[in-house]
Amino acid sequence: MSATPLEFETHPDRYQHWRLRVEGEIATLELSVSEDGGVRPGYALKLNSYDLGVDIELADAIQRIRFEHPAVRAVIVTSALGRMFCAGANIPMLGSSDHGFKVNFCKFTNETRLAMEDASARSGIRFLAALNGAATGGGYELALACDEIALVDDRASVVSLPEVPLLAVLPGTGGLTRLTDKRRVRRDLADAFCSSPDGVRGVRAVEWGLVDVVYPPSRFDEEVRAHAERLAASSPRRAVGAGVVLEPLAPQGSPEHRIYRFVDVFFNAARRIAEITVQGPPPGEPGDADELRTRGAAAWCLRVWRELDDAILHLRVNRPELGCLVFRSEGDAGAVLGSDALLIQATDDWLASEILHHATRVLKRLDATARSWIALIEPGSCFAGSLAELAIGADRSYALDDPERDNPIWLGPLNAGALPMANGLSRLASRLGRDADRAPELCARGASYTPLEAREAGLVTFAPDDLDWDDEVRLALEERMAISPDALTGLEANLRFAGPETLETKIMGRLSAWQNWIFQRPNATGSKGALTLYGTHQRPDFDLERT
């Protein structure tokens, strides 16, 4: 664990790199990176290049637009620098980072750009990239995450993905996949584009499908505003009422114990596991949409997922030595189902809809986290409805079979597909494999499952009795932690994403796996690799054999 853990909570008042401005239906996110504002010493963030801190602010801004500014229907993403939109990920930062940090950096930036696309697809917020200068590497990938791209036609500004020829790595935030699958760029043109460091400008960028439109410098700002107004008019977002302020989470505790209001995380370094306990709703939670808006971000149905999200990110970046997440829950299963019912009944309400979308994104982040995921279902658990996803999605789940104590597992309507995985399926359908067609029937049961019934239905992996419980769980965790972490990461990522492939699974699976491998190859990160030597005026020395 690092001496100063990296925190993922921030606020617009503390932004160093982004300026968020809201004017009616249109918000503007202006990138103005502070050169000396890196999350670690040793590099300068020149030319609007970014590190993890820049993306933490971007993720926060997107979240606040969704919850705090429900009237916003279009977002302009642009730069405060003349002739430079964004130079992409900071190369000295990448070159000086260890492998794990590089991979987690790419994963978080992928998730942030997917959150932008999710905001468009599920909330109707349209994003316009206004490239008032060059957009290179990750800067162009940020633009690709927007719905439409406008480029200034000043005969100098280009879009480019130069990572392959210059750095011997891949565009790390989905650039290749978005070119071919989202923008439907011809793959031969994409090959020419991605294997040249020079980029493409002006009308050719439009002809190749790399941008949607070019505007002359003299009219760029007014044309961009008019373009954003057209996008806003096409948005289906019709939120009514004031937004909900996202209150600080302010976790307490110690280096070995992180305590939120509804989530408790104990870092068991000796066993290399993180024990996560999720509390169910307390008494007095909102009963209708009006009460939900009044309670706002303090409501359990929103706060519990925000807390879990922060805990997952903390574990990823600050505690890489902990290889297994062990989930427990405590509380009233009926209260969880009641909270779910409110969100289902109020789906026409913008806030209830945003809460469901947020829970979906948090669960997807957990799906994509390189940790073993074990659920322990014991007396007093409340793995019901939305919280049942924490057991259904686990790599393994254990339910204590004790007939003398109440230990039910409940499914509800949200388990039928309202919280989909990246593959577009429910976790239940993904879990059941060849029996996936039974998922609707299992969700519609309207009663709890005992541990033995849950095992028979495929909802849990094992259901030991109280005589075997302690030994079976202990041995399972010890055996898990004795396996190669690298092999487990590959195993879990393959098995969690059964079924169809989507743009998102390609970005989070295929591309991340390739980048993970390439980041360890000498041609990129060796002492004479392209990424290591970038900016030194030394030529890389490549091993020319293909593998």
Protein backbone atom coordinates (compact mmCIF):
# COMPACT_ATOMS: atom_id res chain seq x y z
CA MET A 1 0.00 0.00 0.00
CA SER A 2 1.35 3.46 -0.89
CA ALA A 3 2.09 5.98 1.87
CA THR A 4 -0.57 8.36 0.53
CA PRO A 5 -3.53 6.49 -0.95
CA LEU A 6 -5.05 7.98 -4.07
CA GLU A 7 -8.62 9.17 -3.46
CA PHE A 8 -11.30 9.11 -6.15
CA GLU A 9 -13.69 11.62 -4.57
CA THR A 10 -13.48 15.22 -5.70
CA HIS A 11 -15.69 18.28 -6.31
CA PRO A 12 -15.81 21.02 -8.97
CA ASP A 13 -14.50 23.47 -6.35
CA ARG A 14 -11.31 21.39 -6.19
CA TYR A 15 -10.85 20.67 -9.91
CA GLN A 16 -7.34 21.47 -11.15
CA HIS A 17 -7.82 20.42 -14.76
CA TRP A 18 -11.43 20.86 -15.87
CA ARG A 19 -13.84 23.79 -15.83
CA LEU A 20 -17.53 22.88 -15.69
CA ARG A 21 -19.98 25.53 -16.82
CA VAL A 22 -23.74 25.01 -17.09
CA GLU A 23 -25.95 27.34 -19.13
CA GLY A 24 -29.50 26.06 -19.39
CA GLU A 25 -29.66 22.91 -21.49
CA ILE A 26 -25.97 23.01 -22.43
CA ALA A 27 -22.97 22.29 -20.24
CA THR A 28 -19.37 22.97 -21.23
CA LEU A 29 -16.44 20.90 -20.02
CA GLU A 30 -13.27 22.83 -20.77
CA LEU A 31 -9.93 21.05 -20.41
CA SER A 32 -7.21 23.21 -18.91
CA VAL A 33 -4.68 20.82 -17.42
CA SER A 34 -2.44 22.15 -14.66
CA GLU A 35 1.09 21.15 -15.64
CA ASP A 36 2.19 20.65 -12.04
CA GLY A 37 -1.06 18.98 -10.95
CA GLY A 38 -0.11 15.33 -11.46
CA VAL A 39 -1.18 12.75 -8.90
CA ARG A 40 2.48 11.79 -8.44
CA PRO A 41 5.75 13.75 -8.77
CA GLY A 42 8.17 13.33 -11.64
CA TYR A 43 6.29 14.56 -14.71
CA ALA A 44 4.67 17.71 -16.09
CA LEU A 45 1.25 17.52 -17.72
CA LYS A 46 2.13 19.60 -20.77
CA LEU A 47 -0.11 20.24 -23.79
CA ASN A 48 -3.29 19.19 -21.95
CA SER A 49 -1.88 15.69 -21.49
CA TYR A 50 -3.56 13.75 -18.72
CA ASP A 51 -2.96 11.34 -15.89
CA LEU A 52 -5.37 9.56 -13.55
CA GLY A 53 -6.16 12.78 -11.67
CA VAL A 54 -7.48 14.43 -14.83
CA ASP A 55 -9.82 11.50 -15.46
CA ILE A 56 -10.98 11.39 -11.83
CA GLU A 57 -12.24 14.94 -12.32
CA LEU A 58 -13.85 14.07 -15.67
CA ALA A 59 -15.67 11.09 -14.13
CA ASP A 60 -16.90 13.31 -11.30
CA ALA A 61 -18.11 15.97 -13.73
CA ILE A 62 -20.09 13.46 -15.80
CA GLN A 63 -21.70 12.08 -12.65
CA ARG A 64 -22.62 15.56 -11.40
CA ILE A 65 -24.13 16.54 -14.74
CA ARG A 66 -26.38 13.47 -14.54
CA PHE A 67 -27.50 14.01 -10.94
CA GLU A 68 -27.04 17.70 -10.12
CA HIS A 69 -28.02 19.23 -13.48
CA PRO A 70 -31.03 17.31 -14.81
CA ALA A 71 -31.89 20.09 -17.28
CA VAL A 72 -28.66 19.57 -19.25
CA ARG A 73 -29.26 17.83 -22.58
CA ALA A 74 -25.96 18.43 -24.37
CA VAL A 75 -22.33 18.77 -23.26
CA ILE A 76 -19.56 20.51 -25.19
CA VAL A 77 -16.15 18.99 -24.47
CA THR A 78 -13.41 21.41 -25.51
CA SER A 79 -10.05 22.90 -24.53
CA ALA A 80 -8.87 26.15 -23.00
CA LEU A 81 -5.59 25.90 -24.93
CA GLY A 82 -5.28 27.41 -28.37
CA ARG A 83 -4.27 24.96 -31.14
CA MET A 84 -4.26 22.00 -28.71
CA PHE A 85 -7.32 20.07 -27.63
CA CYS A 86 -5.52 17.26 -25.81
CA ALA A 87 -2.22 15.45 -26.32
CA GLY A 88 -3.51 12.27 -24.68
CA ALA A 89 -2.07 10.30 -21.79
CA ASN A 90 1.11 11.80 -20.38
CA ILE A 91 4.00 9.74 -21.71
CA PRO A 92 6.51 10.40 -18.89
CA MET A 93 3.79 9.35 -16.45
CA LEU A 94 3.26 6.09 -18.32
CA GLY A 95 6.98 5.50 -18.75
CA SER A 96 7.65 5.92 -15.01
CA SER A 97 4.66 3.89 -13.77
CA ASP A 98 4.75 0.25 -12.80
CA HIS A 99 2.75 -2.25 -14.83
CA GLY A 100 -0.17 -2.50 -12.43
CA PHE A 101 -0.65 1.27 -12.30
CA LYS A 102 -0.60 1.53 -16.11
CA VAL A 103 -3.24 -1.18 -16.43
CA ASN A 104 -5.49 0.36 -13.77
CA PHE A 105 -5.05 3.78 -15.36
CA CYS A 106 -6.20 2.44 -18.73
CA LYS A 107 -9.08 0.58 -17.11
CA PHE A 108 -10.38 3.68 -15.32
CA THR A 109 -10.09 5.88 -18.40
CA ASN A 110 -11.96 3.21 -20.38
CA GLU A 111 -14.72 3.19 -17.78
CA THR A 112 -14.93 6.98 -17.80
CA ARG A 113 -15.38 7.15 -21.56
CA LEU A 114 -17.94 4.34 -21.40
CA ALA A 115 -19.76 6.41 -18.76
CA MET A 116 -20.02 9.24 -21.30
CA GLU A 117 -21.54 6.87 -23.85
CA ASP A 118 -23.84 5.46 -21.17
CA ALA A 119 -24.99 9.00 -20.33
CA SER A 120 -25.92 9.44 -23.99
CA ALA A 121 -27.55 6.04 -24.51
CA ARG A 122 -29.47 5.80 -21.21
CA SER A 123 -29.92 9.40 -20.05
CA GLY A 124 -30.14 11.16 -23.41
CA ILE A 125 -27.25 13.55 -22.72
CA ARG A 126 -25.53 14.28 -26.03
CA PHE A 127 -21.78 14.95 -26.12
CA LEU A 128 -20.07 17.15 -28.72
CA ALA A 129 -16.27 17.13 -28.92
CA ALA A 130 -15.24 20.63 -30.05
CA LEU A 131 -11.64 20.11 -31.18
CA ASN A 132 -10.23 23.65 -31.29
CA GLY A 133 -6.75 22.21 -31.82
CA ALA A 134 -4.89 18.95 -32.26
CA ALA A 135 -6.39 15.83 -30.65
CA THR A 136 -3.74 13.15 -30.44
CA GLY A 137 -3.74 9.69 -28.84
CA GLY A 138 -5.96 9.65 -25.80
CA GLY A 139 -7.15 13.16 -26.68
CA TYR A 140 -8.73 11.82 -29.84
CA GLU A 141 -10.02 8.82 -27.89
CA LEU A 142 -11.81 11.25 -25.57
CA ALA A 143 -13.40 12.78 -28.67
CA LEU A 144 -14.38 9.31 -29.95
CA ALA A 145 -16.39 8.77 -26.77
CA CYS A 146 -18.59 11.74 -27.72
CA ASP A 147 -21.63 11.45 -29.97
CA GLU A 148 -20.25 13.85 -32.57
CA ILE A 149 -16.89 15.49 -33.29
CA ALA A 150 -16.26 18.97 -34.71
CA LEU A 151 -12.71 19.87 -35.76
CA VAL A 152 -11.34 23.36 -36.40
CA ASP A 153 -10.26 23.69 -40.05
CA ASP A 154 -7.13 25.77 -39.53
CA ARG A 155 -4.81 23.72 -41.81
CA ALA A 156 -2.81 22.63 -38.76
CA SER A 157 -5.07 20.83 -36.28
CA VAL A 158 -5.16 17.07 -36.72
CA VAL A 159 -6.69 14.00 -35.17
CA SER A 160 -4.30 11.09 -34.67
CA LEU A 161 -3.73 7.80 -32.89
CA PRO A 162 0.09 7.60 -33.00
CA GLU A 163 0.61 5.05 -30.22
CA VAL A 164 1.52 2.12 -32.47
CA PRO A 165 4.31 3.82 -34.49
CA LEU A 166 5.63 6.11 -31.74
CA LEU A 167 5.20 4.16 -28.50
CA ALA A 168 4.84 0.50 -29.55
CA VAL A 169 1.58 0.24 -27.58
CA LEU A 170 -2.11 0.40 -28.54
CA PRO A 171 -4.54 3.27 -28.11
CA GLY A 172 -5.45 2.45 -24.54
CA THR A 173 -9.02 3.72 -24.17
CA GLY A 174 -10.90 1.95 -26.92
CA GLY A 175 -9.71 3.96 -29.91
CA LEU A 176 -9.35 1.03 -32.29
CA THR A 177 -12.73 -0.45 -31.39
CA ARG A 178 -14.56 2.86 -31.61
CA LEU A 179 -13.07 3.59 -35.02
CA THR A 180 -14.37 0.37 -36.56
CA ASP A 181 -17.42 -0.51 -34.46
CA LYS A 182 -18.80 2.89 -33.46
CA ARG A 183 -17.79 5.22 -36.28
CA ARG A 184 -17.64 2.38 -38.86
CA VAL A 185 -14.40 3.64 -40.39
CA ARG A 186 -13.13 1.36 -43.17
CA ARG A 187 -10.49 -0.90 -41.66
CA ASP A 188 -7.92 -0.17 -44.39
CA LEU A 189 -8.29 3.55 -43.71
CA ALA A 190 -8.15 2.84 -39.98
CA ASP A 191 -4.91 0.91 -40.58
CA ALA A 192 -3.39 3.81 -42.50
CA PHE A 193 -4.55 6.25 -39.83
CA CYS A 194 -3.28 4.25 -36.83
CA SER A 195 0.10 3.28 -38.32
CA SER A 196 1.10 6.84 -39.19
CA PRO A 197 2.11 9.39 -36.53
CA ASP A 198 1.13 12.37 -38.67
CA GLY A 199 -2.66 12.28 -38.28
CA VAL A 200 -5.39 13.56 -40.57
CA ARG A 201 -6.80 17.08 -40.81
CA GLY A 202 -9.63 19.04 -42.36
CA VAL A 203 -11.90 17.70 -45.08
CA ARG A 204 -10.04 14.38 -45.30
CA ALA A 205 -10.85 13.72 -41.64
CA VAL A 206 -14.54 14.14 -42.52
CA GLU A 207 -14.24 11.98 -45.65
CA TRP A 208 -12.60 9.15 -43.70
CA GLY A 209 -15.25 9.34 -40.98
CA LEU A 210 -12.79 10.41 -38.28
CA VAL A 211 -14.79 13.55 -37.45
CA ASP A 212 -18.30 14.67 -38.36
CA VAL A 213 -17.72 18.25 -39.42
CA VAL A 214 -15.06 20.94 -39.71
CA TYR A 215 -15.62 24.62 -38.94
CA PRO A 216 -13.37 27.58 -39.85
CA PRO A 217 -11.53 29.29 -36.97
CA SER A 218 -13.40 32.57 -37.48
CA ARG A 219 -16.77 30.93 -36.79
CA PHE A 220 -15.73 27.95 -34.69
CA ASP A 221 -17.24 28.99 -31.36
CA GLU A 222 -20.59 30.11 -32.78
CA GLU A 223 -20.88 27.03 -35.02
CA VAL A 224 -20.08 24.75 -32.07
CA ARG A 225 -22.76 26.42 -29.95
CA ALA A 226 -25.33 26.04 -32.72
CA HIS A 227 -24.28 22.41 -33.17
CA ALA A 228 -24.73 21.76 -29.45
CA GLU A 229 -28.16 23.38 -29.54
CA ARG A 230 -29.20 21.03 -32.33
CA LEU A 231 -27.99 18.04 -30.31
CA ALA A 232 -29.87 19.29 -27.25
CA ALA A 233 -33.05 19.61 -29.30
CA SER A 234 -32.67 15.98 -30.41
CA SER A 235 -32.19 14.70 -26.84
CA PRO A 236 -35.03 12.72 -25.26
CA ARG A 237 -34.02 13.89 -21.77
CA ARG A 238 -36.96 15.59 -20.07
CA ALA A 239 -35.94 15.82 -16.43
CA VAL A 240 -38.22 17.90 -14.22
CA GLY A 241 -37.25 19.63 -10.99
CA ALA A 242 -34.05 20.47 -9.22
CA GLY A 243 -31.01 18.24 -9.21
CA VAL A 244 -29.62 16.20 -6.36
CA VAL A 245 -26.38 17.33 -4.74
CA LEU A 246 -23.90 14.48 -4.44
CA GLU A 247 -22.81 14.83 -0.83
CA PRO A 248 -19.25 13.80 0.14
CA LEU A 249 -18.86 10.17 1.17
CA ALA A 250 -16.09 10.92 3.69
CA PRO A 251 -15.11 7.37 4.64
CA GLN A 252 -13.61 6.92 8.10
CA GLY A 253 -11.40 4.28 9.68
CA SER A 254 -7.75 3.30 9.47
CA PRO A 255 -5.35 1.95 6.83
CA GLU A 256 -6.79 -1.52 7.53
CA HIS A 257 -10.45 -0.58 7.89
CA ARG A 258 -12.45 1.72 5.61
CA ILE A 259 -15.90 2.59 6.98
CA TYR A 260 -18.73 4.21 5.04
CA ARG A 261 -22.34 4.65 6.13
CA PHE A 262 -23.55 1.43 4.45
CA VAL A 263 -20.33 -0.27 3.30
CA ASP A 264 -17.61 -1.60 5.57
CA VAL A 265 -14.26 -2.80 4.17
CA PHE A 266 -11.68 -4.68 6.23
CA PHE A 267 -8.30 -5.20 4.61
CA ASN A 268 -7.04 -8.59 5.77
CA ALA A 269 -3.42 -8.36 4.63
CA ALA A 270 -2.41 -11.64 6.25
CA ARG A 271 -4.93 -13.59 4.17
CA ARG A 272 -4.68 -11.23 1.13
CA ILE A 273 -8.43 -10.62 1.08
CA ALA A 274 -10.71 -7.62 1.46
CA GLU A 275 -13.84 -8.38 3.48
CA ILE A 276 -16.70 -6.15 2.29
CA THR A 277 -19.96 -5.99 4.22
CA VAL A 278 -22.91 -4.15 2.66
CA GLN A 279 -25.72 -2.98 4.94
CA GLY A 280 -29.33 -3.06 3.76
CA PRO A 281 -31.66 -0.06 3.95
CA PRO A 282 -32.31 1.47 7.37
CA PRO A 283 -35.88 2.22 8.56
CA GLY A 284 -37.57 5.27 7.13
CA GLU A 285 -36.29 5.13 3.54
CA PRO A 286 -38.31 6.97 0.83
CA GLY A 287 -41.63 5.44 -0.13
CA ASP A 288 -42.29 7.38 -3.35
CA ALA A 289 -40.54 9.49 -5.97
CA ASP A 290 -41.24 12.77 -4.16
CA GLU A 291 -39.66 11.47 -0.96
CA LEU A 292 -36.74 10.12 -2.97
CA ARG A 293 -36.02 13.54 -4.44
CA THR A 294 -36.29 15.09 -0.97
CA ARG A 295 -33.86 12.60 0.52
CA GLY A 296 -31.59 12.93 -2.50
CA ALA A 297 -28.08 11.52 -2.30
CA ALA A 298 -28.63 10.45 1.32
CA ALA A 299 -31.14 7.79 0.22
CA TRP A 300 -29.78 4.28 0.66
CA CYS A 301 -30.55 3.24 -2.93
CA LEU A 302 -28.09 5.85 -4.25
CA ARG A 303 -25.57 6.19 -1.45
CA VAL A 304 -24.84 2.46 -1.07
CA TRP A 305 -23.76 2.19 -4.73
CA ARG A 306 -21.66 5.37 -4.53
CA GLU A 307 -19.91 3.95 -1.47
CA LEU A 308 -19.32 0.59 -3.10
CA ASP A 309 -17.93 2.30 -6.20
CA ASP A 310 -15.45 4.30 -4.15
CA ALA A 311 -14.41 1.18 -2.21
CA ILE A 312 -13.76 -0.79 -5.42
CA LEU A 313 -11.61 1.98 -6.89
CA HIS A 314 -9.66 2.32 -3.64
CA LEU A 315 -8.94 -1.41 -3.65
CA ARG A 316 -7.89 -1.46 -7.30
CA VAL A 317 -5.29 1.28 -7.08
CA ASN A 318 -4.21 1.39 -3.44
CA ARG A 319 -4.33 -2.26 -2.35
CA PRO A 320 -3.06 -4.41 -5.26
CA GLU A 321 -1.77 -7.06 -2.85
CA LEU A 322 -5.32 -8.04 -1.85
CA GLY A 323 -6.35 -10.66 -4.39
CA CYS A 324 -9.86 -11.58 -3.27
CA LEU A 325 -13.04 -9.64 -2.43
CA VAL A 326 -15.28 -11.46 0.04
CA PHE A 327 -18.79 -10.01 0.11
CA ARG A 328 -21.26 -10.28 2.96
CA SER A 329 -24.51 -8.42 3.55
CA GLU A 330 -26.53 -7.57 6.66
CA GLY A 331 -30.08 -6.35 6.98
CA ASP A 332 -33.67 -6.92 6.00
CA ALA A 333 -34.16 -8.57 2.61
CA GLY A 334 -37.69 -7.17 2.45
CA ALA A 335 -36.36 -3.64 2.83
CA VAL A 336 -33.99 -4.15 -0.11
CA LEU A 337 -36.86 -5.41 -2.26
CA GLY A 338 -38.97 -2.43 -1.12
CA SER A 339 -36.26 0.00 -2.17
CA ASP A 340 -35.99 -1.78 -5.53
CA ALA A 341 -39.77 -1.60 -5.96
CA LEU A 342 -39.67 2.17 -5.57
CA LEU A 343 -37.09 2.49 -8.34
CA ILE A 344 -39.11 0.19 -10.60
CA GLN A 345 -42.38 2.02 -9.98
CA ALA A 346 -40.74 5.40 -10.52
CA THR A 347 -38.81 4.57 -13.69
CA ASP A 348 -40.43 7.56 -15.43
CA ASP A 349 -38.85 9.76 -12.77
CA TRP A 350 -35.42 10.99 -13.88
CA LEU A 351 -33.78 10.46 -10.48
CA ALA A 352 -34.95 6.86 -10.07
CA SER A 353 -33.75 6.15 -13.59
CA GLU A 354 -30.33 7.69 -12.92
CA ILE A 355 -29.95 5.65 -9.72
CA LEU A 356 -30.56 2.43 -11.65
CA HIS A 357 -28.06 3.51 -14.31
CA HIS A 358 -25.50 4.27 -11.62
CA ALA A 359 -25.97 0.90 -9.92
CA THR A 360 -25.47 -0.72 -13.32
CA ARG A 361 -22.16 1.08 -13.83
CA VAL A 362 -20.90 0.17 -10.35
CA LEU A 363 -21.68 -3.51 -10.91
CA LYS A 364 -19.92 -3.36 -14.29
CA ARG A 365 -16.88 -1.89 -12.57
CA LEU A 366 -16.93 -4.82 -10.17
CA ASP A 367 -17.27 -7.26 -13.09
CA ALA A 368 -14.15 -5.75 -14.66
CA THR A 369 -12.07 -5.68 -11.46
CA ALA A 370 -9.11 -8.05 -11.45
CA ARG A 371 -9.88 -9.66 -8.09
CA SER A 372 -11.48 -12.95 -7.19
CA TRP A 373 -15.06 -12.32 -6.10
CA ILE A 374 -16.62 -14.55 -3.45
CA ALA A 375 -20.04 -14.12 -1.82
CA LEU A 376 -20.83 -15.59 1.62
CA ILE A 377 -24.55 -15.89 2.36
CA GLU A 378 -25.13 -16.37 6.08
CA PRO A 379 -27.95 -15.86 8.60
CA GLY A 380 -28.87 -12.19 8.68
CA SER A 381 -27.82 -11.64 5.08
CA CYS A 382 -29.90 -9.49 2.73
CA PHE A 383 -28.74 -10.71 -0.68
CA ALA A 384 -32.05 -9.76 -2.22
CA GLY A 385 -33.01 -7.97 -5.42
CA SER A 386 -30.32 -5.44 -6.37
CA LEU A 387 -27.96 -6.72 -3.66
CA ALA A 388 -28.44 -10.28 -4.93
CA GLU A 389 -26.38 -9.15 -7.93
CA LEU A 390 -23.36 -9.23 -5.59
CA ALA A 391 -23.93 -12.96 -5.11
CA ILE A 392 -25.17 -13.83 -8.62
CA GLY A 393 -22.19 -12.14 -10.27
CA ALA A 394 -19.60 -13.69 -7.95
CA ASP A 395 -17.02 -16.17 -9.20
CA ARG A 396 -18.25 -18.47 -6.42
CA SER A 397 -20.96 -18.17 -3.78
CA TYR A 398 -21.46 -20.12 -0.57
CA ALA A 399 -24.76 -20.25 1.34
CA LEU A 400 -24.82 -21.62 4.89
CA ASP A 401 -27.47 -24.36 5.12
CA ASP A 402 -28.88 -24.08 8.63
CA PRO A 403 -32.61 -24.95 8.82
CA GLU A 404 -32.89 -23.44 12.30
CA ARG A 405 -31.87 -19.94 11.17
CA ASP A 406 -33.41 -17.77 8.50
CA ASN A 407 -31.03 -17.46 5.58
CA PRO A 408 -33.01 -16.77 2.40
CA ILE A 409 -31.93 -15.57 -1.03
CA TRP A 410 -34.47 -13.40 -2.84
CA LEU A 411 -34.66 -12.52 -6.50
CA GLY A 412 -36.72 -9.67 -7.83
CA PRO A 413 -37.55 -7.76 -11.02
CA LEU A 414 -34.18 -5.99 -11.10
CA ASN A 415 -32.41 -9.34 -11.49
CA ALA A 416 -34.20 -9.95 -14.78
CA GLY A 417 -32.09 -7.50 -16.79
CA ALA A 418 -32.53 -4.00 -15.36
CA LEU A 419 -28.87 -4.05 -14.25
CA PRO A 420 -27.21 -5.55 -17.34
CA MET A 421 -23.60 -6.64 -17.72
CA ALA A 422 -21.33 -5.30 -20.45
CA ASN A 423 -22.44 -8.20 -22.67
CA GLY A 424 -26.03 -6.94 -22.55
CA LEU A 425 -27.26 -9.92 -20.52
CA SER A 426 -28.41 -10.04 -16.93
CA ARG A 427 -25.94 -11.55 -14.46
CA LEU A 428 -28.47 -14.29 -13.83
CA ALA A 429 -28.66 -15.26 -17.50
CA SER A 430 -24.86 -15.08 -17.79
CA ARG A 431 -24.53 -17.27 -14.70
CA LEU A 432 -27.01 -19.94 -15.74
CA GLY A 433 -25.38 -20.69 -19.09
CA ARG A 434 -27.40 -23.36 -20.92
CA ASP A 435 -30.25 -22.83 -18.44
CA ALA A 436 -30.44 -19.07 -19.11
CA ASP A 437 -34.03 -19.35 -20.37
CA ARG A 438 -35.05 -20.17 -16.77
CA ALA A 439 -34.00 -16.72 -15.55
CA PRO A 440 -37.42 -15.04 -15.92
CA GLU A 441 -39.11 -17.90 -14.07
CA LEU A 442 -36.59 -17.72 -11.20
CA CYS A 443 -37.02 -13.95 -10.88
CA ALA A 444 -40.82 -14.21 -10.91
CA ARG A 445 -40.97 -16.75 -8.06
CA GLY A 446 -42.18 -14.14 -5.56
CA ALA A 447 -40.68 -16.00 -2.59
CA SER A 448 -37.26 -16.58 -1.13
CA TYR A 449 -34.95 -19.50 -1.85
CA THR A 450 -33.45 -21.51 0.96
CA PRO A 451 -29.74 -22.31 0.54
CA LEU A 452 -30.51 -25.81 -0.75
CA GLU A 453 -33.18 -24.50 -3.12
CA ALA A 454 -30.77 -21.82 -4.32
CA ARG A 455 -28.08 -24.43 -4.99
CA GLU A 456 -30.55 -26.58 -6.90
CA ALA A 457 -31.65 -23.57 -8.97
CA GLY A 458 -28.06 -22.60 -9.75
CA LEU A 459 -28.16 -19.38 -7.73
CA VAL A 460 -25.28 -20.39 -5.43
CA THR A 461 -22.29 -22.67 -5.96
CA PHE A 462 -22.22 -24.57 -2.68
CA ALA A 463 -24.44 -24.85 0.40
CA PRO A 464 -22.40 -26.40 3.25
CA ASP A 465 -24.06 -27.14 6.58
CA ASP A 466 -22.91 -25.53 9.81
CA LEU A 467 -20.50 -28.40 10.56
CA ASP A 468 -18.57 -27.93 7.32
CA TRP A 469 -19.04 -24.19 6.76
CA ASP A 470 -15.93 -22.78 8.44
CA ASP A 471 -13.54 -25.36 7.00
CA GLU A 472 -15.00 -25.28 3.50
CA VAL A 473 -14.90 -21.49 3.24
CA ARG A 474 -11.41 -21.30 4.76
CA LEU A 475 -10.00 -23.94 2.41
CA ALA A 476 -11.65 -22.34 -0.61
CA LEU A 477 -10.03 -18.98 0.15
CA GLU A 478 -6.64 -20.50 0.96
CA GLU A 479 -6.63 -22.53 -2.25
CA ARG A 480 -7.69 -19.49 -4.25
CA MET A 481 -4.87 -17.38 -2.86
CA ALA A 482 -2.32 -20.10 -3.68
CA ILE A 483 -3.07 -19.88 -7.42
CA SER A 484 -1.12 -17.55 -9.73
CA PRO A 485 -2.79 -14.11 -9.67
CA ASP A 486 -2.07 -13.72 -13.39
CA ALA A 487 -3.83 -16.96 -14.22
CA LEU A 488 -6.77 -16.03 -11.99
CA THR A 489 -7.14 -12.66 -13.69
CA GLY A 490 -7.36 -14.37 -17.08
CA LEU A 491 -9.66 -17.11 -15.79
CA GLU A 492 -12.10 -14.71 -14.15
CA ALA A 493 -12.22 -12.28 -17.05
CA ASN A 494 -12.99 -15.12 -19.46
CA LEU A 495 -15.68 -16.76 -17.35
CA ARG A 496 -17.49 -13.61 -16.20
CA PHE A 497 -18.26 -12.44 -19.72
CA ALA A 498 -20.03 -15.39 -21.26
CA GLY A 499 -22.38 -14.80 -24.17
CA PRO A 500 -22.40 -12.15 -26.90
CA GLU A 501 -19.64 -9.63 -27.52
CA THR A 502 -20.46 -5.92 -27.58
CA LEU A 503 -18.52 -2.71 -28.09
CA GLU A 504 -18.08 -2.57 -24.32
CA THR A 505 -16.83 -6.13 -23.89
CA LYS A 506 -14.35 -5.59 -26.70
CA ILE A 507 -13.03 -2.43 -25.08
CA MET A 508 -12.90 -3.83 -21.54
CA GLY A 509 -11.86 -7.35 -22.53
CA ARG A 510 -10.07 -7.77 -25.82
CA LEU A 511 -8.34 -4.39 -25.93
CA SER A 512 -7.45 -4.40 -22.24
CA ALA A 513 -5.94 -7.88 -22.54
CA TRP A 514 -3.85 -6.89 -25.55
CA GLN A 515 -2.70 -3.70 -23.90
CA ASN A 516 -1.87 -5.62 -20.71
CA TRP A 517 0.39 -7.94 -22.72
CA ILE A 518 1.99 -5.22 -24.84
CA PHE A 519 2.78 -3.12 -21.75
CA GLN A 520 5.08 -5.93 -20.61
CA ARG A 521 6.90 -6.47 -23.91
CA PRO A 522 10.48 -5.18 -24.29
CA ASN A 523 9.60 -3.43 -27.55
CA ALA A 524 7.39 -1.07 -25.52
CA THR A 525 8.67 -0.99 -21.95
CA GLY A 526 12.11 -2.59 -22.07
CA SER A 527 15.24 -0.52 -21.49
CA LYS A 528 15.39 0.16 -25.25
CA GLY A 529 11.63 0.13 -25.83
CA ALA A 530 9.72 2.89 -27.59
CA LEU A 531 7.67 3.96 -24.57
CA THR A 532 10.75 4.03 -22.33
CA LEU A 533 12.84 6.09 -24.76
CA TYR A 534 10.11 8.47 -25.96
CA GLY A 535 11.34 12.05 -25.74
CA THR A 536 15.02 11.12 -25.31
CA HIS A 537 15.91 11.35 -29.03
CA GLN A 538 17.16 7.76 -28.88
CA ARG A 539 15.78 5.23 -31.32
CA PRO A 540 14.11 2.12 -29.90
CA ASP A 541 15.73 -1.24 -30.54
CA PHE A 542 12.97 -3.67 -31.52
CA ASP A 543 12.99 -7.45 -31.37
CA LEU A 544 11.75 -8.00 -34.91
CA GLU A 545 10.34 -11.51 -34.43
CA ARG A 546 6.54 -11.73 -34.53
CA THR A 547 4.79 -13.76 -31.83
